[in-house]
Amino acid sequence: MEHADLDVLIDRVALEQPVDELSLRRLKKRRLGLRDLIVRIEQACDPDELA
């Protein structure tokens, strides 16, 4: 849910004039970190078939 909220916020910040590049970069970095966390959690919940 937070990842989706960040998507919306990033879109809003990107449309503002002038664009706040630092805030936009921070939001994108946070969104990327959340995506990585989601992937790790999904992998932990779905163990390899070979095990």
Protein backbone atom coordinates (compact mmCIF):
# COMPACT_ATOMS: atom_id res chain seq x y z
CA MET A 1 0.00 0.00 0.00
CA GLU A 2 2.84 2.39 0.85
CA HIS A 3 4.47 1.60 -2.50
CA ALA A 4 1.30 2.61 -4.34
CA ASP A 5 1.00 5.76 -2.23
CA LEU A 6 4.56 6.69 -3.18
CA ASP A 7 3.72 6.23 -6.87
CA VAL A 8 0.92 8.78 -6.54
CA LEU A 9 3.09 11.18 -4.56
CA ILE A 10 5.93 10.91 -7.08
CA ASP A 11 3.52 11.73 -9.90
CA ARG A 12 2.29 14.80 -8.02
CA VAL A 13 5.79 16.06 -7.22
CA ALA A 14 6.89 15.54 -10.82
CA LEU A 15 4.05 17.77 -12.05
CA GLU A 16 4.88 20.66 -9.70
CA GLN A 17 6.68 23.67 -11.10
CA PRO A 18 9.47 24.07 -10.33
CA VAL A 19 10.20 20.38 -9.80
CA ASP A 20 11.84 19.59 -6.45
CA GLU A 21 14.51 17.21 -7.75
CA LEU A 22 15.83 16.31 -4.30
CA SER A 23 12.40 15.34 -2.97
CA LEU A 24 11.65 13.42 -6.14
CA ARG A 25 14.92 11.49 -5.88
CA ARG A 26 14.27 10.66 -2.22
CA LEU A 27 10.75 9.43 -2.95
CA LYS A 28 11.97 7.25 -5.81
CA LYS A 29 14.72 5.80 -3.62
CA ARG A 30 12.19 4.99 -0.88
CA ARG A 31 9.88 3.37 -3.45
CA LEU A 32 12.75 1.26 -4.79
CA GLY A 33 13.66 0.17 -1.26
CA LEU A 34 10.06 -0.87 -0.62
CA ARG A 35 9.95 -2.81 -3.88
CA ASP A 36 13.13 -4.65 -2.91
CA LEU A 37 11.65 -5.43 0.51
CA ILE A 38 8.47 -6.77 -1.10
CA VAL A 39 10.51 -9.05 -3.37
CA ARG A 40 12.53 -10.40 -0.42
CA ILE A 41 9.37 -11.10 1.57
CA GLU A 42 7.73 -12.85 -1.39
CA GLN A 43 10.83 -14.99 -1.90
CA ALA A 44 10.90 -15.94 1.79
CA CYS A 45 7.24 -16.95 1.66
CA ASP A 46 7.65 -19.00 -1.51
CA PRO A 47 10.59 -21.38 -0.95
CA ASP A 48 12.37 -23.06 -3.85
CA GLU A 49 10.75 -26.18 -5.30
CA LEU A 50 14.03 -28.09 -4.97
CA ALA A 51 14.06 -27.87 -1.18
